[in-house]
Amino acid sequence: MTLPPQCRLLHRWLGALALTVTSALSVQAGELPADLAAKAAAATRQLVQWAADPVVITAVREANSHDAGGMNNGKWTDVSATDPIAKSITHSKVGMLIAKWEHADSTLNKLVLRDQKGNAVGASLKPLLFNNANRPQFVHAIKGQPWIATEVKPDPLTQIPSVQVGVPVLDGGTPIGVLHAGVSTK
């Protein structure tokens, strides 16, 4: 059967649309474009080096030695970025170091340090969640291996399209915390 010219054009357009949607879904379903995968891998290697910094390890050890003082995600939502509680994370010695690192690396749009329970210890910005123990960047990295997401999503804090990455903070080879970041797609 021969299609009229208008139908052939529509058929080609629908085919191109289907190919575009299929390509987009495959990227979201587990494949990052090669350039973005390389960018995320490079950022992860940098995070591994930063996670080994003595200031980072000391801050996580200290955080692990006490509880969160009753802080939880519900209470954290009501804390402003200028509140002393938030500033204790962003303006502490480790928080200032993390902010310096994040600002020096244009591929990152946030950088957060977590203790062994997933509680925020230091950050370049006030994290959206105080505790992210159930998020993949924490769940995978706390097991002792770096982790890179396989999809691009808007970062929950910055809303910048990003690939989430997480690395363990190791103390004598034992994971004691996690350093995670949003790697910008641009």
Protein backbone atom coordinates (compact mmCIF):
# COMPACT_ATOMS: atom_id res chain seq x y z
CA MET A 1 0.00 0.00 0.00
CA THR A 2 1.34 3.42 -0.94
CA LEU A 3 0.80 6.27 1.51
CA PRO A 4 -0.13 9.76 0.31
CA PRO A 5 2.73 12.34 0.67
CA GLN A 6 1.19 13.91 3.80
CA CYS A 7 1.01 10.54 5.52
CA ARG A 8 4.58 9.63 4.53
CA LEU A 9 5.81 12.87 6.08
CA LEU A 10 3.81 12.20 9.24
CA HIS A 11 5.11 8.61 9.29
CA ARG A 12 8.75 9.86 9.08
CA TRP A 13 8.12 12.48 11.77
CA LEU A 14 6.56 9.89 14.12
CA GLY A 15 9.47 7.54 13.46
CA ALA A 16 11.97 10.27 14.32
CA LEU A 17 9.99 11.13 17.45
CA ALA A 18 9.93 7.49 18.53
CA LEU A 19 13.69 7.24 18.01
CA THR A 20 14.26 10.41 20.08
CA VAL A 21 12.03 9.19 22.92
CA THR A 22 13.67 5.75 22.87
CA SER A 23 17.13 7.33 23.01
CA ALA A 24 16.12 9.59 25.89
CA LEU A 25 14.62 6.69 27.81
CA SER A 26 17.73 4.54 27.36
CA VAL A 27 19.85 7.35 28.82
CA GLN A 28 17.49 7.65 31.78
CA ALA A 29 17.24 3.90 32.16
CA GLY A 30 20.90 3.34 32.82
CA GLU A 31 23.25 4.72 30.22
CA LEU A 32 24.95 8.06 30.51
CA PRO A 33 26.36 9.63 27.36
CA ALA A 34 30.09 8.89 27.16
CA ASP A 35 31.17 12.49 27.82
CA LEU A 36 28.94 12.77 30.88
CA ALA A 37 30.03 9.35 32.17
CA ALA A 38 33.66 10.48 31.88
CA LYS A 39 32.85 13.75 33.67
CA ALA A 40 31.10 11.89 36.51
CA ALA A 41 33.98 9.41 36.78
CA ALA A 42 36.52 12.25 36.98
CA ALA A 43 34.44 13.98 39.68
CA THR A 44 34.21 10.70 41.60
CA ARG A 45 38.00 10.27 41.50
CA GLN A 46 38.35 13.81 42.89
CA LEU A 47 35.83 13.05 45.65
CA VAL A 48 37.83 9.96 46.64
CA GLN A 49 40.89 12.18 47.16
CA TRP A 50 38.90 14.74 49.14
CA ALA A 51 37.28 12.02 51.27
CA ALA A 52 40.78 10.99 52.39
CA ASP A 53 41.61 14.49 53.66
CA PRO A 54 42.42 14.42 57.42
CA VAL A 55 39.99 17.30 58.09
CA VAL A 56 37.16 15.28 56.51
CA ILE A 57 38.02 12.08 58.37
CA THR A 58 38.30 13.93 61.69
CA ALA A 59 34.94 15.67 61.19
CA VAL A 60 33.19 12.40 60.38
CA ARG A 61 34.82 10.60 63.34
CA GLU A 62 33.63 13.39 65.62
CA ALA A 63 30.09 13.32 64.18
CA ASN A 64 29.97 9.54 64.59
CA SER A 65 30.88 9.88 68.28
CA HIS A 66 27.55 11.53 69.19
CA ASP A 67 23.92 11.53 68.13
CA ALA A 68 22.22 14.14 65.95
CA GLY A 69 20.81 16.02 68.93
CA GLY A 70 17.24 15.28 67.95
CA MET A 71 17.57 16.75 64.46
CA ASN A 72 15.63 15.00 61.71
CA ASN A 73 14.44 15.83 58.19
CA GLY A 74 11.13 17.23 59.42
CA LYS A 75 12.81 19.70 61.78
CA TRP A 76 15.55 20.45 59.23
CA THR A 77 12.96 21.74 56.74
CA ASP A 78 12.16 24.59 59.15
CA VAL A 79 15.83 25.57 59.58
CA SER A 80 16.90 28.49 57.37
CA ALA A 81 20.32 28.59 55.73
CA THR A 82 21.26 31.47 58.05
CA ASP A 83 20.25 29.63 61.23
CA PRO A 84 23.17 28.73 63.53
CA ILE A 85 22.25 25.04 63.17
CA ALA A 86 22.67 25.19 59.36
CA LYS A 87 25.78 27.35 59.69
CA SER A 88 27.31 24.70 61.95
CA ILE A 89 27.37 22.53 58.81
CA THR A 90 28.23 25.10 56.14
CA HIS A 91 30.58 27.32 58.15
CA SER A 92 32.46 24.76 60.23
CA LYS A 93 36.10 23.98 59.40
CA VAL A 94 35.06 21.03 57.22
CA GLY A 95 32.10 22.94 55.76
CA MET A 96 34.35 25.80 54.65
CA LEU A 97 36.83 23.34 53.14
CA ILE A 98 34.02 21.57 51.26
CA ALA A 99 32.67 24.91 50.00
CA LYS A 100 36.17 25.86 48.79
CA TRP A 101 36.45 22.57 46.89
CA GLU A 102 32.98 22.85 45.37
CA HIS A 103 33.51 26.45 44.25
CA ALA A 104 36.86 25.55 42.67
CA ASP A 105 35.31 22.75 40.58
CA SER A 106 32.82 24.05 38.01
CA THR A 107 31.49 20.55 37.33
CA LEU A 108 29.97 20.32 40.83
CA ASN A 109 26.79 22.08 41.95
CA LYS A 110 26.84 20.87 45.56
CA LEU A 111 29.09 18.85 47.85
CA VAL A 112 27.89 17.24 51.11
CA LEU A 113 29.65 15.22 53.80
CA ARG A 114 27.63 12.67 55.81
CA ASP A 115 28.33 10.60 58.92
CA GLN A 116 27.79 6.83 59.15
CA LYS A 117 24.06 7.35 59.77
CA GLY A 118 23.58 9.68 56.78
CA ASN A 119 23.42 12.89 58.84
CA ALA A 120 24.90 16.09 57.38
CA VAL A 121 28.35 16.92 58.78
CA GLY A 122 29.61 19.54 56.31
CA ALA A 123 28.33 21.04 53.08
CA SER A 124 28.88 23.75 50.49
CA LEU A 125 25.17 24.68 50.80
CA LYS A 126 22.50 23.83 53.36
CA PRO A 127 21.46 20.34 52.26
CA LEU A 128 17.82 19.75 51.39
CA LEU A 129 17.80 16.75 53.74
CA PHE A 130 19.55 16.50 57.08
CA ASN A 131 19.62 12.72 56.75
CA ASN A 132 19.86 10.91 53.42
CA ALA A 133 20.53 7.39 54.69
CA ASN A 134 17.96 5.95 52.29
CA ARG A 135 19.25 7.74 49.16
CA PRO A 136 21.33 5.77 46.64
CA GLN A 137 24.39 8.03 46.82
CA PHE A 138 24.62 7.16 50.53
CA VAL A 139 23.34 3.58 50.51
CA HIS A 140 25.90 2.43 47.94
CA ALA A 141 28.90 4.49 49.06
CA ILE A 142 28.63 3.59 52.76
CA LYS A 143 29.28 -0.01 51.70
CA GLY A 144 32.82 1.05 50.78
CA GLN A 145 32.76 1.66 47.03
CA PRO A 146 32.31 4.83 44.96
CA TRP A 147 28.92 5.10 43.27
CA ILE A 148 27.74 6.98 40.16
CA ALA A 149 24.06 7.34 39.22
CA THR A 150 23.08 6.07 35.79
CA GLU A 151 20.57 8.80 35.08
CA VAL A 152 20.36 12.56 34.89
CA LYS A 153 17.85 14.25 37.17
CA PRO A 154 17.43 17.76 38.53
CA ASP A 155 19.45 17.94 41.73
CA PRO A 156 16.95 18.06 44.62
CA LEU A 157 18.70 21.09 46.14
CA THR A 158 19.98 23.12 43.20
CA GLN A 159 17.49 21.92 40.53
CA ILE A 160 20.43 21.77 38.08
CA PRO A 161 20.33 18.69 35.81
CA SER A 162 22.92 16.46 37.44
CA VAL A 163 24.38 13.03 37.94
CA GLN A 164 24.63 12.14 41.63
CA VAL A 165 27.87 10.57 42.85
CA GLY A 166 28.97 9.33 46.27
CA VAL A 167 32.19 8.00 47.74
CA PRO A 168 32.95 6.47 51.11
CA VAL A 169 34.99 8.27 53.73
CA LEU A 170 37.36 5.56 54.88
CA ASP A 171 39.14 5.29 58.21
CA GLY A 172 41.69 2.51 58.08
CA GLY A 173 39.78 0.95 55.19
CA THR A 174 36.43 1.01 57.04
CA PRO A 175 33.63 3.23 55.70
CA ILE A 176 32.71 5.81 58.35
CA GLY A 177 30.78 8.30 56.22
CA VAL A 178 30.03 9.49 52.70
CA LEU A 179 31.02 12.47 50.57
CA HIS A 180 28.51 13.06 47.77
CA ALA A 181 27.99 15.60 45.02
CA GLY A 182 25.82 16.66 42.12
CA VAL A 183 27.81 16.67 38.87
CA SER A 184 26.34 19.20 36.44
CA THR A 185 25.49 18.03 32.96
CA LYS A 186 26.61 21.32 31.38
